[in-house]
Amino acid sequence: MSRILLIWGFVGSCWAQRLEVPGAGVAVRPGDTTLLPATLHLPAPPPASFQLRWRFLPTGRLVLLVVAQGCGPAPWRLSCRLGLEPGRGYEGRAGLGPRDASLELRGACPEDAGPYRVSLLGLELHAAAELNLSLATDPATDPATVLPPITPAPPDAVEPQDNLEPPLAPAQARLEGGKAVGSNAVRLGLAGLVLCLLAVIVGKHILSPSPPAAAEPEPYPAPAGPSPAPPTIYVLRELPKPAASEEFYSLLH
């Protein structure tokens, strides 16, 4: 009977002092602050002093040391005097989280990924638990993430829109031989384009400034008073010489 009571007391004391962590682990994005949760259960009455140690198992380095002294009957975070000492390389990054025995790790990097162990040490106190920390990757930047293939839409597919009717397909005429004739929409478009070009050409000629017309010479002013009479024209004509005169001139010579 005494042995049974001794074993029961040992099991009861071990169950009263324990550490609980989530089994699924914690994921964090690079550069963010993460919280590794842990819940500490102490026997009643609690011990006067104890220690909590967080270690990174791949390297065995100490991440954070929590020293609790002068503990009372109240919850240990309220009644104990706590001293925090980050491990080498974790200064300014590791601290005691806001919830119970949790570890707060700031500026997570790929080297922080891996298993962590939290241990309870004290007079007749011993408990431990492990928790894994992983880095969440962005599917857009992670080359190891395989995205499902995207099936391209057919070229003639029209994306439906809210409150909008689907566009009408252009009507096409076909000849007897089965050859397609250009659609009415294409013809109307070409005709409209020709009319626009003609309007631009005509407007350019109409709106362009025309060269100034040559000034006509002004007529001479008419003289005042009655108009003068036309001048008289005299015509000189050689008269025929008489026969007697020729005889007279010959005698003189």
C-alpha atoms as a PDB file:
ATOM      1  CA  MET A   1       0.000   0.000   0.000  1.00  0.00           C
ATOM      2  CA  SER A   2       2.818   2.380   0.810  1.00  0.00           C
ATOM      3  CA  ARG A   3       4.415   1.622  -2.544  1.00  0.00           C
ATOM      4  CA  ILE A   4       1.183   2.435  -4.351  1.00  0.00           C
ATOM      5  CA  LEU A   5       0.898   5.759  -2.513  1.00  0.00           C
ATOM      6  CA  LEU A   6       4.541   6.585  -3.312  1.00  0.00           C
ATOM      7  CA  ILE A   7       4.057   5.835  -7.001  1.00  0.00           C
ATOM      8  CA  TRP A   8       0.807   7.797  -7.074  1.00  0.00           C
ATOM      9  CA  GLY A   9       2.478  10.757  -5.403  1.00  0.00           C
ATOM     10  CA  PHE A  10       5.320  10.663  -7.895  1.00  0.00           C
ATOM     11  CA  VAL A  11       2.924  10.475 -10.848  1.00  0.00           C
ATOM     12  CA  GLY A  12       0.797  13.249  -9.358  1.00  0.00           C
ATOM     13  CA  SER A  13       3.777  15.545  -8.898  1.00  0.00           C
ATOM     14  CA  CYS A  14       4.980  14.889 -12.471  1.00  0.00           C
ATOM     15  CA  TRP A  15       1.505  15.596 -13.864  1.00  0.00           C
ATOM     16  CA  ALA A  16       1.260  18.811 -11.843  1.00  0.00           C
ATOM     17  CA  GLN A  17       4.521  20.161 -13.342  1.00  0.00           C
ATOM     18  CA  ARG A  18       4.379  19.998 -17.129  1.00  0.00           C
ATOM     19  CA  LEU A  19       4.767  22.038 -20.284  1.00  0.00           C
ATOM     20  CA  GLU A  20       2.210  21.975 -23.079  1.00  0.00           C
ATOM     21  CA  VAL A  21       2.877  23.083 -26.686  1.00  0.00           C
ATOM     22  CA  PRO A  22       0.737  22.730 -29.855  1.00  0.00           C
ATOM     23  CA  GLY A  23       1.547  19.612 -31.818  1.00  0.00           C
ATOM     24  CA  ALA A  24       1.020  21.187 -35.244  1.00  0.00           C
ATOM     25  CA  GLY A  25       3.975  23.566 -34.950  1.00  0.00           C
ATOM     26  CA  VAL A  26       4.172  27.209 -35.991  1.00  0.00           C
ATOM     27  CA  ALA A  27       4.709  28.790 -39.425  1.00  0.00           C
ATOM     28  CA  VAL A  28       6.004  32.330 -39.977  1.00  0.00           C
ATOM     29  CA  ARG A  29       6.881  34.454 -42.996  1.00  0.00           C
ATOM     30  CA  PRO A  30      10.466  35.690 -43.301  1.00  0.00           C
ATOM     31  CA  GLY A  31      11.002  38.983 -41.491  1.00  0.00           C
ATOM     32  CA  ASP A  32       7.881  38.722 -39.317  1.00  0.00           C
ATOM     33  CA  THR A  33       7.568  38.267 -35.555  1.00  0.00           C
ATOM     34  CA  THR A  34       6.388  34.864 -34.410  1.00  0.00           C
ATOM     35  CA  LEU A  35       5.173  33.425 -31.113  1.00  0.00           C
ATOM     36  CA  LEU A  36       6.095  29.881 -30.043  1.00  0.00           C
ATOM     37  CA  PRO A  37       3.333  29.139 -27.499  1.00  0.00           C
ATOM     38  CA  ALA A  38       3.950  27.091 -24.352  1.00  0.00           C
ATOM     39  CA  THR A  39       1.831  26.644 -21.231  1.00  0.00           C
ATOM     40  CA  LEU A  40       3.526  25.964 -17.866  1.00  0.00           C
ATOM     41  CA  HIS A  41       1.720  24.005 -15.161  1.00  0.00           C
ATOM     42  CA  LEU A  42       3.262  24.142 -11.653  1.00  0.00           C
ATOM     43  CA  PRO A  43       2.340  22.156  -8.542  1.00  0.00           C
ATOM     44  CA  ALA A  44       0.570  23.762  -5.626  1.00  0.00           C
ATOM     45  CA  PRO A  45       2.119  25.413  -3.780  1.00  0.00           C
ATOM     46  CA  PRO A  46       4.494  26.549  -6.529  1.00  0.00           C
ATOM     47  CA  PRO A  47       8.268  26.409  -5.990  1.00  0.00           C
ATOM     48  CA  ALA A  48      10.054  29.506  -4.751  1.00  0.00           C
ATOM     49  CA  SER A  49      12.316  29.617  -7.817  1.00  0.00           C
ATOM     50  CA  PHE A  50      12.802  27.837 -11.128  1.00  0.00           C
ATOM     51  CA  GLN A  51      14.144  28.368 -14.661  1.00  0.00           C
ATOM     52  CA  LEU A  52      12.749  28.150 -18.180  1.00  0.00           C
ATOM     53  CA  ARG A  53      15.155  27.551 -21.070  1.00  0.00           C
ATOM     54  CA  TRP A  54      14.408  27.785 -24.784  1.00  0.00           C
ATOM     55  CA  ARG A  55      16.962  26.094 -27.063  1.00  0.00           C
ATOM     56  CA  PHE A  56      17.317  25.665 -30.808  1.00  0.00           C
ATOM     57  CA  LEU A  57      17.931  21.927 -31.199  1.00  0.00           C
ATOM     58  CA  PRO A  58      19.828  21.836 -34.557  1.00  0.00           C
ATOM     59  CA  THR A  59      22.644  23.942 -33.063  1.00  0.00           C
ATOM     60  CA  GLY A  60      21.995  23.428 -29.322  1.00  0.00           C
ATOM     61  CA  ARG A  61      22.274  27.186 -28.774  1.00  0.00           C
ATOM     62  CA  LEU A  62      20.405  28.863 -25.952  1.00  0.00           C
ATOM     63  CA  VAL A  63      17.734  31.216 -27.290  1.00  0.00           C
ATOM     64  CA  LEU A  64      16.250  32.577 -24.045  1.00  0.00           C
ATOM     65  CA  LEU A  65      16.766  31.982 -20.304  1.00  0.00           C
ATOM     66  CA  VAL A  66      13.953  32.933 -17.909  1.00  0.00           C
ATOM     67  CA  VAL A  67      14.819  32.993 -14.167  1.00  0.00           C
ATOM     68  CA  ALA A  68      11.862  33.151 -11.756  1.00  0.00           C
ATOM     69  CA  GLN A  69      12.470  33.944  -8.057  1.00  0.00           C
ATOM     70  CA  GLY A  70      10.344  34.716  -4.995  1.00  0.00           C
ATOM     71  CA  CYS A  71       7.256  33.057  -6.394  1.00  0.00           C
ATOM     72  CA  GLY A  72       4.014  33.113  -4.369  1.00  0.00           C
ATOM     73  CA  PRO A  73       0.668  31.359  -4.552  1.00  0.00           C
ATOM     74  CA  ALA A  74      -0.585  33.606  -7.382  1.00  0.00           C
ATOM     75  CA  PRO A  75       0.116  32.745 -11.035  1.00  0.00           C
ATOM     76  CA  TRP A  76       3.850  32.656 -11.537  1.00  0.00           C
ATOM     77  CA  ARG A  77       4.005  35.526 -14.045  1.00  0.00           C
ATOM     78  CA  LEU A  78       2.333  37.801 -11.499  1.00  0.00           C
ATOM     79  CA  SER A  79       4.017  36.659  -8.265  1.00  0.00           C
ATOM     80  CA  CYS A  80       7.587  35.865  -9.415  1.00  0.00           C
ATOM     81  CA  ARG A  81      10.419  38.254 -10.085  1.00  0.00           C
ATOM     82  CA  LEU A  82      11.456  37.461 -13.636  1.00  0.00           C
ATOM     83  CA  GLY A  83      14.885  37.859 -15.170  1.00  0.00           C
ATOM     84  CA  LEU A  84      15.348  37.477 -18.945  1.00  0.00           C
ATOM     85  CA  GLU A  85      18.655  36.718 -20.654  1.00  0.00           C
ATOM     86  CA  PRO A  86      18.677  36.208 -24.451  1.00  0.00           C
ATOM     87  CA  GLY A  87      21.253  33.797 -25.858  1.00  0.00           C
ATOM     88  CA  ARG A  88      24.267  34.862 -27.889  1.00  0.00           C
ATOM     89  CA  GLY A  89      23.122  35.961 -31.344  1.00  0.00           C
ATOM     90  CA  TYR A  90      19.535  36.481 -30.187  1.00  0.00           C
ATOM     91  CA  GLU A  91      19.995  39.845 -28.480  1.00  0.00           C
ATOM     92  CA  GLY A  92      17.103  42.130 -29.382  1.00  0.00           C
ATOM     93  CA  ARG A  93      15.249  39.284 -31.086  1.00  0.00           C
ATOM     94  CA  ALA A  94      14.199  36.805 -28.389  1.00  0.00           C
ATOM     95  CA  GLY A  95      11.914  37.600 -25.451  1.00  0.00           C
ATOM     96  CA  LEU A  96       9.161  36.215 -23.251  1.00  0.00           C
ATOM     97  CA  GLY A  97       5.844  36.230 -25.050  1.00  0.00           C
ATOM     98  CA  PRO A  98       2.649  37.719 -23.648  1.00  0.00           C
ATOM     99  CA  ARG A  99       1.141  34.291 -22.928  1.00  0.00           C
ATOM    100  CA  ASP A 100       2.537  32.137 -20.162  1.00  0.00           C
ATOM    101  CA  ALA A 101       5.910  30.550 -21.095  1.00  0.00           C
ATOM    102  CA  SER A 102       5.758  31.371 -24.829  1.00  0.00           C
ATOM    103  CA  LEU A 103       8.824  32.555 -26.794  1.00  0.00           C
ATOM    104  CA  GLU A 104       8.624  35.677 -28.931  1.00  0.00           C
ATOM    105  CA  LEU A 105      11.062  35.683 -31.859  1.00  0.00           C
ATOM    106  CA  ARG A 106      11.374  38.824 -33.983  1.00  0.00           C
ATOM    107  CA  GLY A 107      12.738  39.117 -37.521  1.00  0.00           C
ATOM    108  CA  ALA A 108      12.412  35.460 -38.496  1.00  0.00           C
ATOM    109  CA  CYS A 109      14.960  34.241 -41.045  1.00  0.00           C
ATOM    110  CA  PRO A 110      15.534  30.898 -42.800  1.00  0.00           C
ATOM    111  CA  GLU A 111      18.168  29.955 -40.225  1.00  0.00           C
ATOM    112  CA  ASP A 112      15.479  30.058 -37.498  1.00  0.00           C
ATOM    113  CA  ALA A 113      13.470  27.203 -39.017  1.00  0.00           C
ATOM    114  CA  GLY A 114      13.652  23.927 -37.082  1.00  0.00           C
ATOM    115  CA  PRO A 115      12.695  22.299 -33.765  1.00  0.00           C
ATOM    116  CA  TYR A 116      12.848  24.163 -30.441  1.00  0.00           C
ATOM    117  CA  ARG A 117      12.801  22.764 -26.900  1.00  0.00           C
ATOM    118  CA  VAL A 118      11.491  24.490 -23.798  1.00  0.00           C
ATOM    119  CA  SER A 119      12.652  23.032 -20.447  1.00  0.00           C
ATOM    120  CA  LEU A 120      11.567  23.570 -16.847  1.00  0.00           C
ATOM    121  CA  LEU A 121      14.386  23.257 -14.283  1.00  0.00           C
ATOM    122  CA  GLY A 122      14.237  23.637 -10.501  1.00  0.00           C
ATOM    123  CA  LEU A 123      14.363  21.849  -7.174  1.00  0.00           C
ATOM    124  CA  GLU A 124      12.534  18.594  -7.796  1.00  0.00           C
ATOM    125  CA  LEU A 125      11.176  20.137 -11.024  1.00  0.00           C
ATOM    126  CA  HIS A 126      11.782  18.858 -14.511  1.00  0.00           C
ATOM    127  CA  ALA A 127       9.640  19.025 -17.642  1.00  0.00           C
ATOM    128  CA  ALA A 128      10.288  19.588 -21.340  1.00  0.00           C
ATOM    129  CA  ALA A 129       8.417  19.952 -24.637  1.00  0.00           C
ATOM    130  CA  GLU A 130       9.413  20.442 -28.272  1.00  0.00           C
ATOM    131  CA  LEU A 131       7.895  22.666 -30.928  1.00  0.00           C
ATOM    132  CA  ASN A 132       8.756  23.033 -34.617  1.00  0.00           C
ATOM    133  CA  LEU A 133       9.056  26.373 -36.412  1.00  0.00           C
ATOM    134  CA  SER A 134       8.755  26.531 -40.203  1.00  0.00           C
ATOM    135  CA  LEU A 135       8.925  29.396 -42.690  1.00  0.00           C
ATOM    136  CA  ALA A 136       5.852  29.990 -44.817  1.00  0.00           C
ATOM    137  CA  THR A 137       6.726  30.602 -48.459  1.00  0.00           C
ATOM    138  CA  ASP A 138       4.927  32.787 -50.970  1.00  0.00           C
ATOM    139  CA  PRO A 139       3.589  30.701 -53.896  1.00  0.00           C
ATOM    140  CA  ALA A 140       4.402  33.555 -56.284  1.00  0.00           C
ATOM    141  CA  THR A 141       8.125  33.553 -55.398  1.00  0.00           C
ATOM    142  CA  ASP A 142       8.803  29.994 -54.269  1.00  0.00           C
ATOM    143  CA  PRO A 143      10.316  27.993 -57.175  1.00  0.00           C
ATOM    144  CA  ALA A 144       9.405  24.719 -55.487  1.00  0.00           C
ATOM    145  CA  THR A 145       5.704  25.523 -55.563  1.00  0.00           C
ATOM    146  CA  VAL A 146       4.046  23.998 -58.611  1.00  0.00           C
ATOM    147  CA  LEU A 147       1.008  25.895 -59.774  1.00  0.00           C
ATOM    148  CA  PRO A 148      -1.761  24.115 -61.701  1.00  0.00           C
ATOM    149  CA  PRO A 149      -1.626  24.647 -65.472  1.00  0.00           C
ATOM    150  CA  ILE A 150      -3.873  27.339 -66.860  1.00  0.00           C
ATOM    151  CA  THR A 151      -5.943  26.337 -69.880  1.00  0.00           C
ATOM    152  CA  PRO A 152      -5.933  29.186 -72.426  1.00  0.00           C
ATOM    153  CA  ALA A 153      -9.310  30.438 -73.534  1.00  0.00           C
ATOM    154  CA  PRO A 154     -10.276  30.007 -77.216  1.00  0.00           C
ATOM    155  CA  PRO A 155      -9.515  33.065 -79.363  1.00  0.00           C
ATOM    156  CA  ASP A 156     -13.189  33.708 -80.153  1.00  0.00           C
ATOM    157  CA  ALA A 157     -14.340  33.447 -76.543  1.00  0.00           C
ATOM    158  CA  VAL A 158     -15.990  36.555 -75.115  1.00  0.00           C
ATOM    159  CA  GLU A 159     -15.749  37.168 -71.399  1.00  0.00           C
ATOM    160  CA  PRO A 160     -19.274  37.711 -69.963  1.00  0.00           C
ATOM    161  CA  GLN A 161     -19.887  41.015 -68.245  1.00  0.00           C
ATOM    162  CA  ASP A 162     -22.592  41.988 -65.805  1.00  0.00           C
ATOM    163  CA  ASN A 163     -25.599  43.888 -67.158  1.00  0.00           C
ATOM    164  CA  LEU A 164     -24.185  43.857 -70.687  1.00  0.00           C
ATOM    165  CA  GLU A 165     -25.557  42.015 -73.694  1.00  0.00           C
ATOM    166  CA  PRO A 166     -23.124  39.825 -75.642  1.00  0.00           C
ATOM    167  CA  PRO A 167     -21.857  41.452 -78.844  1.00  0.00           C
ATOM    168  CA  LEU A 168     -23.589  40.459 -82.057  1.00  0.00           C
ATOM    169  CA  ALA A 169     -21.565  38.415 -84.519  1.00  0.00           C
ATOM    170  CA  PRO A 170     -21.062  40.163 -87.901  1.00  0.00           C
ATOM    171  CA  ALA A 171     -23.334  38.799 -90.608  1.00  0.00           C
ATOM    172  CA  GLN A 172     -21.529  37.371 -93.624  1.00  0.00           C
ATOM    173  CA  ALA A 173     -23.011  36.607 -97.038  1.00  0.00           C
ATOM    174  CA  ARG A 174     -21.923  33.560 -98.955  1.00  0.00           C
ATOM    175  CA  LEU A 175     -21.968  32.877-102.663  1.00  0.00           C
ATOM    176  CA  GLU A 176     -23.154  29.675-104.291  1.00  0.00           C
ATOM    177  CA  GLY A 177     -19.649  28.200-104.296  1.00  0.00           C
ATOM    178  CA  GLY A 178     -19.415  28.615-100.509  1.00  0.00           C
ATOM    179  CA  LYS A 179     -16.897  31.498-100.614  1.00  0.00           C
ATOM    180  CA  ALA A 180     -17.430  34.103 -97.970  1.00  0.00           C
ATOM    181  CA  VAL A 181     -18.055  37.682 -98.994  1.00  0.00           C
ATOM    182  CA  GLY A 182     -16.780  40.560 -96.870  1.00  0.00           C
ATOM    183  CA  SER A 183     -19.142  41.426 -94.048  1.00  0.00           C
ATOM    184  CA  ASN A 184     -21.365  44.473 -94.163  1.00  0.00           C
ATOM    185  CA  ALA A 185     -19.619  45.860 -91.121  1.00  0.00           C
ATOM    186  CA  VAL A 186     -16.257  45.832 -92.917  1.00  0.00           C
ATOM    187  CA  ARG A 187     -17.714  47.524 -95.964  1.00  0.00           C
ATOM    188  CA  LEU A 188     -19.401  50.198 -93.911  1.00  0.00           C
ATOM    189  CA  GLY A 189     -16.174  50.761 -92.025  1.00  0.00           C
ATOM    190  CA  LEU A 190     -14.170  51.202 -95.231  1.00  0.00           C
ATOM    191  CA  ALA A 191     -16.809  53.551 -96.685  1.00  0.00           C
ATOM    192  CA  GLY A 192     -16.757  55.625 -93.521  1.00  0.00           C
ATOM    193  CA  LEU A 193     -12.962  55.802 -93.671  1.00  0.00           C
ATOM    194  CA  VAL A 194     -13.055  57.040 -97.298  1.00  0.00           C
ATOM    195  CA  LEU A 195     -15.647  59.677 -96.420  1.00  0.00           C
ATOM    196  CA  CYS A 196     -13.500  60.862 -93.514  1.00  0.00           C
ATOM    197  CA  LEU A 197     -10.454  61.203 -95.791  1.00  0.00           C
ATOM    198  CA  LEU A 198     -12.483  63.173 -98.371  1.00  0.00           C
ATOM    199  CA  ALA A 199     -13.858  65.447 -95.678  1.00  0.00           C
ATOM    200  CA  VAL A 200     -10.323  66.132 -94.411  1.00  0.00           C
ATOM    201  CA  ILE A 201      -9.051  66.968 -97.936  1.00  0.00           C
ATOM    202  CA  VAL A 202     -11.995  69.253 -98.763  1.00  0.00           C
ATOM    203  CA  GLY A 203     -11.808  70.976 -95.420  1.00  0.00           C
ATOM    204  CA  LYS A 204      -8.094  71.581 -95.888  1.00  0.00           C
ATOM    205  CA  HIS A 205      -8.685  73.314 -99.232  1.00  0.00           C
ATOM    206  CA  ILE A 206     -11.597  75.343 -97.919  1.00  0.00           C
ATOM    207  CA  LEU A 207      -9.926  76.483 -94.747  1.00  0.00           C
ATOM    208  CA  SER A 208      -6.511  77.208 -96.338  1.00  0.00           C
ATOM    209  CA  PRO A 209      -5.978  80.966 -97.040  1.00  0.00           C
ATOM    210  CA  SER A 210      -6.315  81.913-100.785  1.00  0.00           C
ATOM    211  CA  PRO A 211      -3.588  84.123-102.434  1.00  0.00           C
ATOM    212  CA  PRO A 212      -4.523  87.843-102.749  1.00  0.00           C
ATOM    213  CA  ALA A 213      -5.949  88.915-106.164  1.00  0.00           C
ATOM    214  CA  ALA A 214      -3.864  91.260-108.350  1.00  0.00           C
ATOM    215  CA  ALA A 215      -4.993  94.864-108.158  1.00  0.00           C
ATOM    216  CA  GLU A 216      -6.451  96.256-111.397  1.00  0.00           C
ATOM    217  CA  PRO A 217      -4.833  99.477-112.747  1.00  0.00           C
ATOM    218  CA  GLU A 218      -6.870 102.547-112.106  1.00  0.00           C
ATOM    219  CA  PRO A 219      -8.099 104.397-115.280  1.00  0.00           C
ATOM    220  CA  TYR A 220      -6.747 107.857-116.062  1.00  0.00           C
ATOM    221  CA  PRO A 221      -9.126 110.630-115.101  1.00  0.00           C
ATOM    222  CA  ALA A 222     -11.031 112.199-117.992  1.00  0.00           C
ATOM    223  CA  PRO A 223     -10.084 115.866-118.709  1.00  0.00           C
ATOM    224  CA  ALA A 224     -12.598 118.462-117.637  1.00  0.00           C
ATOM    225  CA  GLY A 225     -14.477 120.546-120.263  1.00  0.00           C
ATOM    226  CA  PRO A 226     -15.274 119.826-123.932  1.00  0.00           C
ATOM    227  CA  SER A 227     -13.219 117.228-125.711  1.00  0.00           C
ATOM    228  CA  PRO A 228     -10.691 118.674-128.272  1.00  0.00           C
ATOM    229  CA  ALA A 229     -11.267 118.243-132.013  1.00  0.00           C
ATOM    230  CA  PRO A 230      -9.265 115.498-133.696  1.00  0.00           C
ATOM    231  CA  PRO A 231      -6.051 116.766-135.417  1.00  0.00           C
ATOM    232  CA  THR A 232      -5.965 117.493-139.132  1.00  0.00           C
ATOM    233  CA  ILE A 233      -3.832 115.166-141.217  1.00  0.00           C
ATOM    234  CA  TYR A 234      -2.211 116.542-144.396  1.00  0.00           C
ATOM    235  CA  VAL A 235      -1.159 114.240-147.238  1.00  0.00           C
ATOM    236  CA  LEU A 236       1.541 115.503-149.701  1.00  0.00           C
ATOM    237  CA  ARG A 237       1.376 114.207-153.236  1.00  0.00           C
ATOM    238  CA  GLU A 238       3.811 114.885-156.106  1.00  0.00           C
ATOM    239  CA  LEU A 239       2.134 116.596-159.042  1.00  0.00           C
ATOM    240  CA  PRO A 240       3.042 115.645-162.630  1.00  0.00           C
ATOM    241  CA  LYS A 241       5.362 117.935-164.507  1.00  0.00           C
ATOM    242  CA  PRO A 242       4.005 119.629-167.709  1.00  0.00           C
ATOM    243  CA  ALA A 243       5.742 118.998-171.035  1.00  0.00           C
ATOM    244  CA  ALA A 244       6.603 122.687-171.595  1.00  0.00           C
ATOM    245  CA  SER A 245       8.468 122.766-168.326  1.00  0.00           C
ATOM    246  CA  GLU A 246      10.669 119.890-169.391  1.00  0.00           C
ATOM    247  CA  GLU A 247      11.621 121.671-172.577  1.00  0.00           C
ATOM    248  CA  PHE A 248      12.372 124.828-170.652  1.00  0.00           C
ATOM    249  CA  TYR A 249      14.628 123.003-168.199  1.00  0.00           C
ATOM    250  CA  SER A 250      16.516 121.344-171.033  1.00  0.00           C
ATOM    251  CA  LEU A 251      17.229 124.661-172.707  1.00  0.00           C
ATOM    252  CA  LEU A 252      18.664 126.046-169.530  1.00  0.00           C
ATOM    253  CA  HIS A 253      21.168 123.325-169.217  1.00  0.00           C
END
